[in-house]
Amino acid sequence: MLKELESLPSGLLELRADQLHDALGGPALIHLPGRRDRPLFVSVLLHGNEDVGWEAVRRLLKKFSGGAGPALPRALSLFIGNTEAAKAGVRRLPGQPDYNRVWPGSALPRTAEHAMMERVVEAMARRQVFASIDLHNNTGLNPHYACVNVVRNEALHLAVLFSRVVVYFIRPRGVASMAMSRLCPAVTLECGKVGQFHGVEHAADYLEACLHLARHPAHPVPAHDIDLFHTVAVVRIPDGVRFGFGCQDLDLCLPDDLERLNFRELPAGTFFGTVRAGVGLPLEVRGEEDQDVAARYFTVEGRSLLTRTPVMPSMLTRDEAVIRQDCLCYLMERYDPQTDAGDAA
């Protein structure tokens, strides 16, 4: 499934994300030389409908003679992921696994895509990868932010180079940044909604800054330079629960403006929706150890779905397909690496 190339195919930078499949035939790992040998690894289009990464790479490489030759400040290894889904303009096709859930460490049943991601990681290990950047769009109203899977100074510095808002998570498993963090500092970047030029510009400027890095700072990030949050749970709507936005007659009716709650520290008792009589708690909420924590975070009073404890959601979206394929949102708490314990090493 994977093509591994040592140069950029002619004309590739002129193509949109939905045109890449016809040109490449599938996923590709493209190695470009630079003045420093240890490469920056950049993954794009792990979700086919999130084109910010590809658009940022196009913008970046056109500045450096199309990416050819030693004009790049550092070698660049570009992984172009789910081109087939990109052609269709969807996150993933029916029958495909999520390309950002099948990297080493995945909890999903093994597929050919798992083997492909293992090949990518092995290739980058051989090349002594310098840093790893995985680029994504959001579907909901969220700030630009970076995610890390280990709370180490080098990874946090890489994250705050993009945004002072940083999220630490260890679930879901099988994401690119988690696999690559075993080799080098690694981040996932959330760059706003699809089609927003600022997201592309911000991502391209960040990649260029990373290409110019000579080393990773090892000292702690000053506390005033970072807002660090810890993802403590993922919220899903079970398949049997019928839901909608601004509705009256379904099992769960969510507010039209639910996205406005993203990255807001909510008090207990915040309204999340209206529940049909007799449905009970219409959410599945799993903690970091995959335990059921729904009753810890939500309650139903009368027909109102309310938060039960102070919490901060992220990635709330109105995109019902994404909610079914992935989740309704994640729940976060503020994190102090000086005092909080856990899987932070």
C-alpha atoms as a PDB file:
ATOM      1  CA  MET A   1       0.000   0.000   0.000  1.00  0.00           C
ATOM      2  CA  LEU A   2       2.866   2.390   0.773  1.00  0.00           C
ATOM      3  CA  LYS A   3       5.053   4.108  -1.798  1.00  0.00           C
ATOM      4  CA  GLU A   4       8.416   5.300  -0.468  1.00  0.00           C
ATOM      5  CA  LEU A   5      10.053   7.934  -2.653  1.00  0.00           C
ATOM      6  CA  GLU A   6      13.335   9.870  -2.529  1.00  0.00           C
ATOM      7  CA  SER A   7      12.071  12.913  -4.406  1.00  0.00           C
ATOM      8  CA  LEU A   8       8.903  14.869  -4.946  1.00  0.00           C
ATOM      9  CA  PRO A   9       6.965  13.676  -8.027  1.00  0.00           C
ATOM     10  CA  SER A  10       6.829  16.321 -10.739  1.00  0.00           C
ATOM     11  CA  GLY A  11       3.799  18.553 -10.475  1.00  0.00           C
ATOM     12  CA  LEU A  12       2.647  17.179  -7.113  1.00  0.00           C
ATOM     13  CA  LEU A  13       2.639  20.590  -5.440  1.00  0.00           C
ATOM     14  CA  GLU A  14       0.156  21.849  -8.020  1.00  0.00           C
ATOM     15  CA  LEU A  15      -2.478  19.333  -6.904  1.00  0.00           C
ATOM     16  CA  ARG A  16      -5.244  19.741  -4.370  1.00  0.00           C
ATOM     17  CA  ALA A  17      -5.740  17.089  -1.706  1.00  0.00           C
ATOM     18  CA  ASP A  18      -8.597  15.505  -3.664  1.00  0.00           C
ATOM     19  CA  GLN A  19      -6.299  15.056  -6.692  1.00  0.00           C
ATOM     20  CA  LEU A  20      -3.463  13.254  -4.902  1.00  0.00           C
ATOM     21  CA  HIS A  21      -4.914   9.759  -5.121  1.00  0.00           C
ATOM     22  CA  ASP A  22      -4.918   9.759  -8.901  1.00  0.00           C
ATOM     23  CA  ALA A  23      -1.291  10.951  -8.900  1.00  0.00           C
ATOM     24  CA  LEU A  24       0.081   8.702  -6.122  1.00  0.00           C
ATOM     25  CA  GLY A  25      -2.282   5.738  -6.133  1.00  0.00           C
ATOM     26  CA  GLY A  26      -2.338   5.667  -2.333  1.00  0.00           C
ATOM     27  CA  PRO A  27      -0.308   6.613   0.729  1.00  0.00           C
ATOM     28  CA  ALA A  28       3.259   7.806   0.166  1.00  0.00           C
ATOM     29  CA  LEU A  29       6.330   8.529   2.284  1.00  0.00           C
ATOM     30  CA  ILE A  30       8.501  11.082   0.478  1.00  0.00           C
ATOM     31  CA  HIS A  31      12.035  11.877   1.685  1.00  0.00           C
ATOM     32  CA  LEU A  32      13.554  15.240   0.726  1.00  0.00           C
ATOM     33  CA  PRO A  33      17.176  16.200   1.525  1.00  0.00           C
ATOM     34  CA  GLY A  34      18.204  19.229   3.555  1.00  0.00           C
ATOM     35  CA  ARG A  35      21.258  20.917   5.028  1.00  0.00           C
ATOM     36  CA  ARG A  36      20.785  19.008   8.293  1.00  0.00           C
ATOM     37  CA  ASP A  37      20.439  15.266   7.811  1.00  0.00           C
ATOM     38  CA  ARG A  38      18.097  14.238  10.641  1.00  0.00           C
ATOM     39  CA  PRO A  39      14.646  14.746   9.105  1.00  0.00           C
ATOM     40  CA  LEU A  40      11.564  16.536  10.259  1.00  0.00           C
ATOM     41  CA  PHE A  41       8.688  14.069   9.865  1.00  0.00           C
ATOM     42  CA  VAL A  42       5.374  15.603   8.769  1.00  0.00           C
ATOM     43  CA  SER A  43       2.160  13.607   8.365  1.00  0.00           C
ATOM     44  CA  VAL A  44      -0.840  14.987   6.482  1.00  0.00           C
ATOM     45  CA  LEU A  45      -4.270  13.722   5.423  1.00  0.00           C
ATOM     46  CA  LEU A  46      -4.541  11.006   8.045  1.00  0.00           C
ATOM     47  CA  HIS A  47      -8.134  12.160   7.869  1.00  0.00           C
ATOM     48  CA  GLY A  48      -9.065  12.659   4.235  1.00  0.00           C
ATOM     49  CA  ASN A  49     -11.261  15.706   4.715  1.00  0.00           C
ATOM     50  CA  GLU A  50      -8.660  17.652   6.745  1.00  0.00           C
ATOM     51  CA  ASP A  51      -6.451  19.282   4.122  1.00  0.00           C
ATOM     52  CA  VAL A  52      -4.656  21.930   6.209  1.00  0.00           C
ATOM     53  CA  GLY A  53      -1.493  19.806   6.364  1.00  0.00           C
ATOM     54  CA  TRP A  54      -1.231  19.299   2.628  1.00  0.00           C
ATOM     55  CA  GLU A  55      -1.998  22.946   1.906  1.00  0.00           C
ATOM     56  CA  ALA A  56       0.650  24.040   4.428  1.00  0.00           C
ATOM     57  CA  VAL A  57       3.238  21.689   2.899  1.00  0.00           C
ATOM     58  CA  ARG A  58       2.454  23.000  -0.592  1.00  0.00           C
ATOM     59  CA  ARG A  59       2.915  26.556   0.636  1.00  0.00           C
ATOM     60  CA  LEU A  60       6.162  25.680   2.434  1.00  0.00           C
ATOM     61  CA  LEU A  61       7.855  23.661  -0.288  1.00  0.00           C
ATOM     62  CA  LYS A  62       7.102  26.201  -2.995  1.00  0.00           C
ATOM     63  CA  LYS A  63       9.323  28.580  -1.007  1.00  0.00           C
ATOM     64  CA  PHE A  64      12.215  26.133  -1.176  1.00  0.00           C
ATOM     65  CA  SER A  65      12.547  25.466  -4.908  1.00  0.00           C
ATOM     66  CA  GLY A  66       9.758  22.931  -4.881  1.00  0.00           C
ATOM     67  CA  GLY A  67      11.484  20.949  -2.144  1.00  0.00           C
ATOM     68  CA  ALA A  68      14.256  19.726  -4.436  1.00  0.00           C
ATOM     69  CA  GLY A  69      17.910  19.602  -3.449  1.00  0.00           C
ATOM     70  CA  PRO A  70      19.602  20.879  -0.298  1.00  0.00           C
ATOM     71  CA  ALA A  71      17.711  24.186  -0.216  1.00  0.00           C
ATOM     72  CA  LEU A  72      15.661  22.932   2.750  1.00  0.00           C
ATOM     73  CA  PRO A  73      17.243  23.873   6.085  1.00  0.00           C
ATOM     74  CA  ARG A  74      16.675  20.308   7.295  1.00  0.00           C
ATOM     75  CA  ALA A  75      15.712  17.059   5.597  1.00  0.00           C
ATOM     76  CA  LEU A  76      11.966  16.541   5.413  1.00  0.00           C
ATOM     77  CA  SER A  77      10.076  13.236   5.356  1.00  0.00           C
ATOM     78  CA  LEU A  78       6.463  13.736   4.278  1.00  0.00           C
ATOM     79  CA  PHE A  79       3.826  11.072   4.870  1.00  0.00           C
ATOM     80  CA  ILE A  80       0.683  11.597   2.780  1.00  0.00           C
ATOM     81  CA  GLY A  81      -2.002   9.395   4.328  1.00  0.00           C
ATOM     82  CA  ASN A  82      -5.531   8.560   3.258  1.00  0.00           C
ATOM     83  CA  THR A  83      -5.534   9.834  -0.320  1.00  0.00           C
ATOM     84  CA  GLU A  84      -8.543   7.690  -1.191  1.00  0.00           C
ATOM     85  CA  ALA A  85     -10.676   9.359   1.481  1.00  0.00           C
ATOM     86  CA  ALA A  86      -9.284  12.753   0.452  1.00  0.00           C
ATOM     87  CA  LYS A  87     -10.490  12.131  -3.086  1.00  0.00           C
ATOM     88  CA  ALA A  88     -13.992  11.549  -1.711  1.00  0.00           C
ATOM     89  CA  GLY A  89     -13.743  14.480   0.716  1.00  0.00           C
ATOM     90  CA  VAL A  90     -14.458  12.357   3.806  1.00  0.00           C
ATOM     91  CA  ARG A  91     -12.631  11.518   7.026  1.00  0.00           C
ATOM     92  CA  ARG A  92     -12.417   7.838   6.037  1.00  0.00           C
ATOM     93  CA  LEU A  93     -14.261   5.578   3.631  1.00  0.00           C
ATOM     94  CA  PRO A  94     -16.688   2.867   4.791  1.00  0.00           C
ATOM     95  CA  GLY A  95     -14.653  -0.204   5.678  1.00  0.00           C
ATOM     96  CA  GLN A  96     -11.449   1.768   6.261  1.00  0.00           C
ATOM     97  CA  PRO A  97      -9.955   2.165   9.728  1.00  0.00           C
ATOM     98  CA  ASP A  98      -9.187   5.640  11.020  1.00  0.00           C
ATOM     99  CA  TYR A  99      -5.652   6.374   9.786  1.00  0.00           C
ATOM    100  CA  ASN A 100      -4.886   8.106  13.077  1.00  0.00           C
ATOM    101  CA  ARG A 101      -5.832   5.106  15.206  1.00  0.00           C
ATOM    102  CA  VAL A 102      -3.681   2.385  13.571  1.00  0.00           C
ATOM    103  CA  TRP A 103      -0.131   3.436  14.457  1.00  0.00           C
ATOM    104  CA  PRO A 104       2.004   1.224  16.748  1.00  0.00           C
ATOM    105  CA  GLY A 105       0.253   0.938  20.093  1.00  0.00           C
ATOM    106  CA  SER A 106      -3.205   0.823  18.486  1.00  0.00           C
ATOM    107  CA  ALA A 107      -6.059  -0.849  20.343  1.00  0.00           C
ATOM    108  CA  LEU A 108      -7.919  -1.677  17.089  1.00  0.00           C
ATOM    109  CA  PRO A 109      -7.957  -5.130  15.462  1.00  0.00           C
ATOM    110  CA  ARG A 110      -4.964  -5.493  13.158  1.00  0.00           C
ATOM    111  CA  THR A 111      -5.316  -4.439   9.515  1.00  0.00           C
ATOM    112  CA  ALA A 112      -3.047  -3.806   6.539  1.00  0.00           C
ATOM    113  CA  GLU A 113      -2.969  -0.157   7.607  1.00  0.00           C
ATOM    114  CA  HIS A 114      -1.362  -1.160  10.919  1.00  0.00           C
ATOM    115  CA  ALA A 115       1.470  -2.823   9.001  1.00  0.00           C
ATOM    116  CA  MET A 116       1.867   0.256   6.808  1.00  0.00           C
ATOM    117  CA  MET A 117       2.243   2.585   9.790  1.00  0.00           C
ATOM    118  CA  GLU A 118       4.807   0.212  11.299  1.00  0.00           C
ATOM    119  CA  ARG A 119       6.805   0.550   8.073  1.00  0.00           C
ATOM    120  CA  VAL A 120       6.636   4.327   8.328  1.00  0.00           C
ATOM    121  CA  VAL A 121       7.864   4.329  11.926  1.00  0.00           C
ATOM    122  CA  GLU A 122      10.667   1.896  11.091  1.00  0.00           C
ATOM    123  CA  ALA A 123      11.769   4.055   8.162  1.00  0.00           C
ATOM    124  CA  MET A 124      11.896   7.131  10.364  1.00  0.00           C
ATOM    125  CA  ALA A 125      13.797   5.284  13.093  1.00  0.00           C
ATOM    126  CA  ARG A 126      16.475   4.343  10.553  1.00  0.00           C
ATOM    127  CA  ARG A 127      16.772   7.987   9.533  1.00  0.00           C
ATOM    128  CA  GLN A 128      17.024   9.154  13.172  1.00  0.00           C
ATOM    129  CA  VAL A 129      14.031  11.448  12.939  1.00  0.00           C
ATOM    130  CA  PHE A 130      14.499  14.865  14.575  1.00  0.00           C
ATOM    131  CA  ALA A 131      10.870  15.746  15.329  1.00  0.00           C
ATOM    132  CA  SER A 132       7.376  14.667  14.285  1.00  0.00           C
ATOM    133  CA  ILE A 133       4.456  16.926  13.324  1.00  0.00           C
ATOM    134  CA  ASP A 134       0.971  15.569  12.563  1.00  0.00           C
ATOM    135  CA  LEU A 135      -1.367  18.180  11.057  1.00  0.00           C
ATOM    136  CA  HIS A 136      -5.156  18.217  11.428  1.00  0.00           C
ATOM    137  CA  ASN A 137      -8.226  20.403  11.050  1.00  0.00           C
ATOM    138  CA  ASN A 138     -11.017  20.640  13.620  1.00  0.00           C
ATOM    139  CA  THR A 139     -14.674  20.215  12.744  1.00  0.00           C
ATOM    140  CA  GLY A 140     -15.886  22.426  15.604  1.00  0.00           C
ATOM    141  CA  LEU A 141     -15.081  25.882  16.952  1.00  0.00           C
ATOM    142  CA  ASN A 142     -11.730  25.442  18.673  1.00  0.00           C
ATOM    143  CA  PRO A 143      -8.610  27.564  19.039  1.00  0.00           C
ATOM    144  CA  HIS A 144      -5.420  26.482  17.297  1.00  0.00           C
ATOM    145  CA  TYR A 145      -3.680  24.175  19.752  1.00  0.00           C
ATOM    146  CA  ALA A 146      -1.016  21.482  20.022  1.00  0.00           C
ATOM    147  CA  CYS A 147      -1.249  18.026  21.579  1.00  0.00           C
ATOM    148  CA  VAL A 148       1.465  15.946  23.229  1.00  0.00           C
ATOM    149  CA  ASN A 149       1.417  12.381  24.514  1.00  0.00           C
ATOM    150  CA  VAL A 150       4.320  12.713  26.938  1.00  0.00           C
ATOM    151  CA  VAL A 151       4.981  15.608  29.291  1.00  0.00           C
ATOM    152  CA  ARG A 152       8.649  16.167  28.527  1.00  0.00           C
ATOM    153  CA  ASN A 153      10.361  19.503  28.129  1.00  0.00           C
ATOM    154  CA  GLU A 154      11.421  18.888  24.513  1.00  0.00           C
ATOM    155  CA  ALA A 155       7.885  17.966  23.446  1.00  0.00           C
ATOM    156  CA  LEU A 156       6.356  20.914  25.317  1.00  0.00           C
ATOM    157  CA  HIS A 157       8.768  23.365  23.670  1.00  0.00           C
ATOM    158  CA  LEU A 158       7.820  21.945  20.264  1.00  0.00           C
ATOM    159  CA  ALA A 159       4.143  22.396  21.186  1.00  0.00           C
ATOM    160  CA  VAL A 160       4.329  25.996  22.449  1.00  0.00           C
ATOM    161  CA  LEU A 161       6.173  26.983  19.299  1.00  0.00           C
ATOM    162  CA  PHE A 162       2.711  26.553  17.727  1.00  0.00           C
ATOM    163  CA  SER A 163       0.375  27.633  20.551  1.00  0.00           C
ATOM    164  CA  ARG A 164       0.419  28.353  24.260  1.00  0.00           C
ATOM    165  CA  VAL A 165      -2.658  26.068  24.479  1.00  0.00           C
ATOM    166  CA  VAL A 166      -1.363  22.499  24.810  1.00  0.00           C
ATOM    167  CA  VAL A 167      -3.335  19.310  25.456  1.00  0.00           C
ATOM    168  CA  TYR A 168      -1.751  16.193  26.955  1.00  0.00           C
ATOM    169  CA  PHE A 169      -3.536  12.907  26.218  1.00  0.00           C
ATOM    170  CA  ILE A 170      -2.852   9.171  26.275  1.00  0.00           C
ATOM    171  CA  ARG A 171      -6.147   8.086  24.699  1.00  0.00           C
ATOM    172  CA  PRO A 172      -7.112   7.350  21.995  1.00  0.00           C
ATOM    173  CA  ARG A 173      -4.308   4.891  21.369  1.00  0.00           C
ATOM    174  CA  GLY A 174      -2.689   4.358  17.988  1.00  0.00           C
ATOM    175  CA  VAL A 175      -2.234   8.004  16.997  1.00  0.00           C
ATOM    176  CA  ALA A 176       0.787   9.116  14.985  1.00  0.00           C
ATOM    177  CA  SER A 177       2.245  11.453  17.590  1.00  0.00           C
ATOM    178  CA  MET A 178       2.119   8.771  20.288  1.00  0.00           C
ATOM    179  CA  ALA A 179       3.987   6.280  18.111  1.00  0.00           C
ATOM    180  CA  MET A 180       6.580   8.833  17.007  1.00  0.00           C
ATOM    181  CA  SER A 181       7.136  10.141  20.551  1.00  0.00           C
ATOM    182  CA  ARG A 182       9.148   6.966  21.198  1.00  0.00           C
ATOM    183  CA  LEU A 183      11.670   8.212  18.642  1.00  0.00           C
ATOM    184  CA  CYS A 184      11.662  12.005  19.002  1.00  0.00           C
ATOM    185  CA  PRO A 185       9.665  14.978  20.275  1.00  0.00           C
ATOM    186  CA  ALA A 186       6.243  14.712  18.619  1.00  0.00           C
ATOM    187  CA  VAL A 187       3.108  16.830  18.442  1.00  0.00           C
ATOM    188  CA  THR A 188      -0.332  16.805  16.875  1.00  0.00           C
ATOM    189  CA  LEU A 189      -1.487  20.213  15.667  1.00  0.00           C
ATOM    190  CA  GLU A 190      -5.144  21.230  15.502  1.00  0.00           C
ATOM    191  CA  CYS A 191      -5.310  24.092  12.994  1.00  0.00           C
ATOM    192  CA  GLY A 192      -8.922  25.273  12.957  1.00  0.00           C
ATOM    193  CA  LYS A 193     -11.641  24.487  10.450  1.00  0.00           C
ATOM    194  CA  VAL A 194     -11.107  23.359   6.860  1.00  0.00           C
ATOM    195  CA  GLY A 195     -10.853  26.231   4.401  1.00  0.00           C
ATOM    196  CA  GLN A 196      -9.570  28.833   6.862  1.00  0.00           C
ATOM    197  CA  PHE A 197      -6.494  30.459   5.326  1.00  0.00           C
ATOM    198  CA  HIS A 198      -5.118  31.414   8.729  1.00  0.00           C
ATOM    199  CA  GLY A 199      -4.841  27.734   9.626  1.00  0.00           C
ATOM    200  CA  VAL A 200      -2.781  26.997   6.521  1.00  0.00           C
ATOM    201  CA  GLU A 201      -0.585  30.046   7.044  1.00  0.00           C
ATOM    202  CA  HIS A 202      -0.033  29.256  10.719  1.00  0.00           C
ATOM    203  CA  ALA A 203       0.852  25.618   9.982  1.00  0.00           C
ATOM    204  CA  ALA A 204       3.236  26.534   7.135  1.00  0.00           C
ATOM    205  CA  ASP A 205       5.039  29.136   9.247  1.00  0.00           C
ATOM    206  CA  TYR A 206       5.349  26.604  12.071  1.00  0.00           C
ATOM    207  CA  LEU A 207       6.820  23.933   9.784  1.00  0.00           C
ATOM    208  CA  GLU A 208       9.362  26.409   8.468  1.00  0.00           C
ATOM    209  CA  ALA A 209      10.347  27.324  12.030  1.00  0.00           C
ATOM    210  CA  CYS A 210      10.797  23.633  12.854  1.00  0.00           C
ATOM    211  CA  LEU A 211      13.009  23.124   9.796  1.00  0.00           C
ATOM    212  CA  HIS A 212      15.314  25.850  11.153  1.00  0.00           C
ATOM    213  CA  LEU A 213      15.592  24.342  14.647  1.00  0.00           C
ATOM    214  CA  ALA A 214      19.108  23.123  15.410  1.00  0.00           C
ATOM    215  CA  ARG A 215      18.204  21.373  18.668  1.00  0.00           C
ATOM    216  CA  HIS A 216      15.377  20.910  21.150  1.00  0.00           C
ATOM    217  CA  PRO A 217      15.523  23.007  24.331  1.00  0.00           C
ATOM    218  CA  ALA A 218      15.767  20.804  27.416  1.00  0.00           C
ATOM    219  CA  HIS A 219      14.823  23.378  30.087  1.00  0.00           C
ATOM    220  CA  PRO A 220      11.235  23.608  31.351  1.00  0.00           C
ATOM    221  CA  VAL A 221       8.754  25.825  29.529  1.00  0.00           C
ATOM    222  CA  PRO A 222       8.047  28.860  31.741  1.00  0.00           C
ATOM    223  CA  ALA A 223       4.624  28.542  33.367  1.00  0.00           C
ATOM    224  CA  HIS A 224       3.489  31.896  31.956  1.00  0.00           C
ATOM    225  CA  ASP A 225       4.113  30.632  28.392  1.00  0.00           C
ATOM    226  CA  ILE A 226       1.816  27.597  28.472  1.00  0.00           C
ATOM    227  CA  ASP A 227      -1.777  26.643  29.253  1.00  0.00           C
ATOM    228  CA  LEU A 228      -1.516  22.871  29.677  1.00  0.00           C
ATOM    229  CA  PHE A 229      -4.615  20.677  29.810  1.00  0.00           C
ATOM    230  CA  HIS A 230      -5.011  16.953  30.367  1.00  0.00           C
ATOM    231  CA  THR A 231      -7.623  14.930  28.464  1.00  0.00           C
ATOM    232  CA  VAL A 232      -9.331  12.764  31.074  1.00  0.00           C
ATOM    233  CA  ALA A 233     -12.247  11.257  29.126  1.00  0.00           C
ATOM    234  CA  VAL A 234     -13.821  10.810  25.705  1.00  0.00           C
ATOM    235  CA  VAL A 235     -17.571  11.312  25.231  1.00  0.00           C
ATOM    236  CA  ARG A 236     -19.499   9.292  22.661  1.00  0.00           C
ATOM    237  CA  ILE A 237     -23.144   8.926  21.731  1.00  0.00           C
ATOM    238  CA  PRO A 238     -24.055   5.202  21.628  1.00  0.00           C
ATOM    239  CA  ASP A 239     -25.245   3.860  18.278  1.00  0.00           C
ATOM    240  CA  GLY A 240     -28.721   3.192  19.633  1.00  0.00           C
ATOM    241  CA  VAL A 241     -29.271   6.796  20.733  1.00  0.00           C
ATOM    242  CA  ARG A 242     -30.927   8.997  18.112  1.00  0.00           C
ATOM    243  CA  PHE A 243     -29.652  12.568  18.360  1.00  0.00           C
ATOM    244  CA  GLY A 244     -29.749  15.905  16.600  1.00  0.00           C
ATOM    245  CA  PHE A 245     -29.181  19.620  17.066  1.00  0.00           C
ATOM    246  CA  GLY A 246     -31.974  22.062  17.839  1.00  0.00           C
ATOM    247  CA  CYS A 247     -34.522  19.244  17.651  1.00  0.00           C
ATOM    248  CA  GLN A 248     -37.481  18.313  19.882  1.00  0.00           C
ATOM    249  CA  ASP A 249     -38.354  14.688  19.165  1.00  0.00           C
ATOM    250  CA  LEU A 250     -35.163  12.578  19.418  1.00  0.00           C
ATOM    251  CA  ASP A 251     -33.528  10.672  22.281  1.00  0.00           C
ATOM    252  CA  LEU A 252     -30.939  13.440  22.719  1.00  0.00           C
ATOM    253  CA  CYS A 253     -31.444  16.988  21.473  1.00  0.00           C
ATOM    254  CA  LEU A 254     -28.250  19.041  21.606  1.00  0.00           C
ATOM    255  CA  PRO A 255     -28.159  22.863  21.527  1.00  0.00           C
ATOM    256  CA  ASP A 256     -27.389  24.454  18.160  1.00  0.00           C
ATOM    257  CA  ASP A 257     -24.561  26.431  19.747  1.00  0.00           C
ATOM    258  CA  LEU A 258     -22.946  23.558  21.689  1.00  0.00           C
ATOM    259  CA  GLU A 259     -19.593  24.258  19.996  1.00  0.00           C
ATOM    260  CA  ARG A 260     -19.287  27.509  21.930  1.00  0.00           C
ATOM    261  CA  LEU A 261     -18.425  25.442  25.030  1.00  0.00           C
ATOM    262  CA  ASN A 262     -15.102  24.275  23.557  1.00  0.00           C
ATOM    263  CA  PHE A 263     -12.088  25.253  25.677  1.00  0.00           C
ATOM    264  CA  ARG A 264     -14.303  26.901  28.286  1.00  0.00           C
ATOM    265  CA  GLU A 265     -13.970  25.850  31.913  1.00  0.00           C
ATOM    266  CA  LEU A 266     -17.559  24.870  32.697  1.00  0.00           C
ATOM    267  CA  PRO A 267     -19.075  24.755  36.179  1.00  0.00           C
ATOM    268  CA  ALA A 268     -21.101  21.807  37.397  1.00  0.00           C
ATOM    269  CA  GLY A 269     -24.688  22.104  36.203  1.00  0.00           C
ATOM    270  CA  THR A 270     -23.889  23.359  32.687  1.00  0.00           C
ATOM    271  CA  PHE A 271     -26.702  22.443  30.244  1.00  0.00           C
ATOM    272  CA  PHE A 272     -25.666  19.990  27.504  1.00  0.00           C
ATOM    273  CA  GLY A 273     -28.993  18.978  25.985  1.00  0.00           C
ATOM    274  CA  THR A 274     -32.513  17.628  26.403  1.00  0.00           C
ATOM    275  CA  VAL A 275     -33.158  13.910  26.923  1.00  0.00           C
ATOM    276  CA  ARG A 276     -36.314  12.031  25.917  1.00  0.00           C
ATOM    277  CA  ALA A 277     -38.225  10.702  28.912  1.00  0.00           C
ATOM    278  CA  GLY A 278     -37.151   7.171  29.822  1.00  0.00           C
ATOM    279  CA  VAL A 279     -33.864   7.239  27.868  1.00  0.00           C
ATOM    280  CA  GLY A 280     -31.605   7.644  30.913  1.00  0.00           C
ATOM    281  CA  LEU A 281     -28.046   8.946  30.521  1.00  0.00           C
ATOM    282  CA  PRO A 282     -27.592   9.078  26.701  1.00  0.00           C
ATOM    283  CA  LEU A 283     -23.776   9.276  26.645  1.00  0.00           C
ATOM    284  CA  GLU A 284     -20.906   6.832  26.862  1.00  0.00           C
ATOM    285  CA  VAL A 285     -17.940   8.379  28.669  1.00  0.00           C
ATOM    286  CA  ARG A 286     -14.661   6.436  28.950  1.00  0.00           C
ATOM    287  CA  GLY A 287     -11.705   7.427  31.096  1.00  0.00           C
ATOM    288  CA  GLU A 288      -7.983   7.044  30.446  1.00  0.00           C
ATOM    289  CA  GLU A 289      -8.039   3.377  31.474  1.00  0.00           C
ATOM    290  CA  ASP A 290     -11.130   2.789  29.305  1.00  0.00           C
ATOM    291  CA  GLN A 291     -13.357   2.671  32.381  1.00  0.00           C
ATOM    292  CA  ASP A 292     -16.965   3.882  32.427  1.00  0.00           C
ATOM    293  CA  VAL A 293     -16.965   7.363  33.981  1.00  0.00           C
ATOM    294  CA  ALA A 294     -20.236   8.719  32.563  1.00  0.00           C
ATOM    295  CA  ALA A 295     -21.852   9.158  35.993  1.00  0.00           C
ATOM    296  CA  ARG A 296     -18.812  11.108  37.206  1.00  0.00           C
ATOM    297  CA  TYR A 297     -19.170  13.805  34.547  1.00  0.00           C
ATOM    298  CA  PHE A 298     -22.869  13.934  33.555  1.00  0.00           C
ATOM    299  CA  THR A 299     -26.295  13.623  35.112  1.00  0.00           C
ATOM    300  CA  VAL A 300     -29.903  13.892  33.922  1.00  0.00           C
ATOM    301  CA  GLU A 301     -32.234  16.075  35.986  1.00  0.00           C
ATOM    302  CA  GLY A 302     -35.793  16.049  34.726  1.00  0.00           C
ATOM    303  CA  ARG A 303     -35.087  16.024  30.990  1.00  0.00           C
ATOM    304  CA  SER A 304     -31.938  18.164  31.148  1.00  0.00           C
ATOM    305  CA  LEU A 305     -28.492  16.671  30.496  1.00  0.00           C
ATOM    306  CA  LEU A 306     -26.095  18.528  32.824  1.00  0.00           C
ATOM    307  CA  THR A 307     -22.418  18.411  33.723  1.00  0.00           C
ATOM    308  CA  ARG A 308     -21.908  16.946  37.167  1.00  0.00           C
ATOM    309  CA  THR A 309     -18.435  18.353  37.867  1.00  0.00           C
ATOM    310  CA  PRO A 310     -16.330  21.271  36.574  1.00  0.00           C
ATOM    311  CA  VAL A 311     -14.766  20.318  33.249  1.00  0.00           C
ATOM    312  CA  MET A 312     -13.500  21.740  29.952  1.00  0.00           C
ATOM    313  CA  PRO A 313     -14.650  20.147  26.648  1.00  0.00           C
ATOM    314  CA  SER A 314     -12.730  20.177  23.378  1.00  0.00           C
ATOM    315  CA  MET A 315     -13.601  19.208  19.812  1.00  0.00           C
ATOM    316  CA  LEU A 316     -17.361  19.547  20.240  1.00  0.00           C
ATOM    317  CA  THR A 317     -18.778  19.580  16.721  1.00  0.00           C
ATOM    318  CA  ARG A 318     -22.094  19.750  14.887  1.00  0.00           C
ATOM    319  CA  ASP A 319     -20.824  17.318  12.238  1.00  0.00           C
ATOM    320  CA  GLU A 320     -22.997  14.278  12.901  1.00  0.00           C
ATOM    321  CA  ALA A 321     -20.890  11.975  10.704  1.00  0.00           C
ATOM    322  CA  VAL A 322     -17.749  12.818  12.702  1.00  0.00           C
ATOM    323  CA  ILE A 323     -19.652  12.329  15.966  1.00  0.00           C
ATOM    324  CA  ARG A 324     -20.661   8.827  14.838  1.00  0.00           C
ATOM    325  CA  GLN A 325     -17.223   7.943  13.444  1.00  0.00           C
ATOM    326  CA  ASP A 326     -15.198   9.409  16.308  1.00  0.00           C
ATOM    327  CA  CYS A 327     -16.808  11.119  19.295  1.00  0.00           C
ATOM    328  CA  LEU A 328     -18.917  14.021  20.530  1.00  0.00           C
ATOM    329  CA  CYS A 329     -16.022  15.601  22.431  1.00  0.00           C
ATOM    330  CA  TYR A 330     -13.159  15.137  24.860  1.00  0.00           C
ATOM    331  CA  LEU A 331     -13.145  16.326  28.473  1.00  0.00           C
ATOM    332  CA  MET A 332     -10.093  18.051  29.917  1.00  0.00           C
ATOM    333  CA  GLU A 333      -8.754  19.391  33.186  1.00  0.00           C
ATOM    334  CA  ARG A 334      -5.908  21.799  33.865  1.00  0.00           C
ATOM    335  CA  TYR A 335      -2.599  19.993  34.307  1.00  0.00           C
ATOM    336  CA  ASP A 336       0.395  20.991  36.400  1.00  0.00           C
ATOM    337  CA  PRO A 337       3.445  18.886  35.434  1.00  0.00           C
ATOM    338  CA  GLN A 338       5.097  19.878  38.722  1.00  0.00           C
ATOM    339  CA  THR A 339       2.394  18.235  40.856  1.00  0.00           C
ATOM    340  CA  ASP A 340       0.237  15.950  38.694  1.00  0.00           C
ATOM    341  CA  ALA A 341       1.288  12.333  38.506  1.00  0.00           C
ATOM    342  CA  GLY A 342       0.325   9.704  35.934  1.00  0.00           C
ATOM    343  CA  ASP A 343       1.594   8.508  32.582  1.00  0.00           C
ATOM    344  CA  ALA A 344       3.544  11.675  31.929  1.00  0.00           C
ATOM    345  CA  ALA A 345       7.033  10.265  31.420  1.00  0.00           C
END
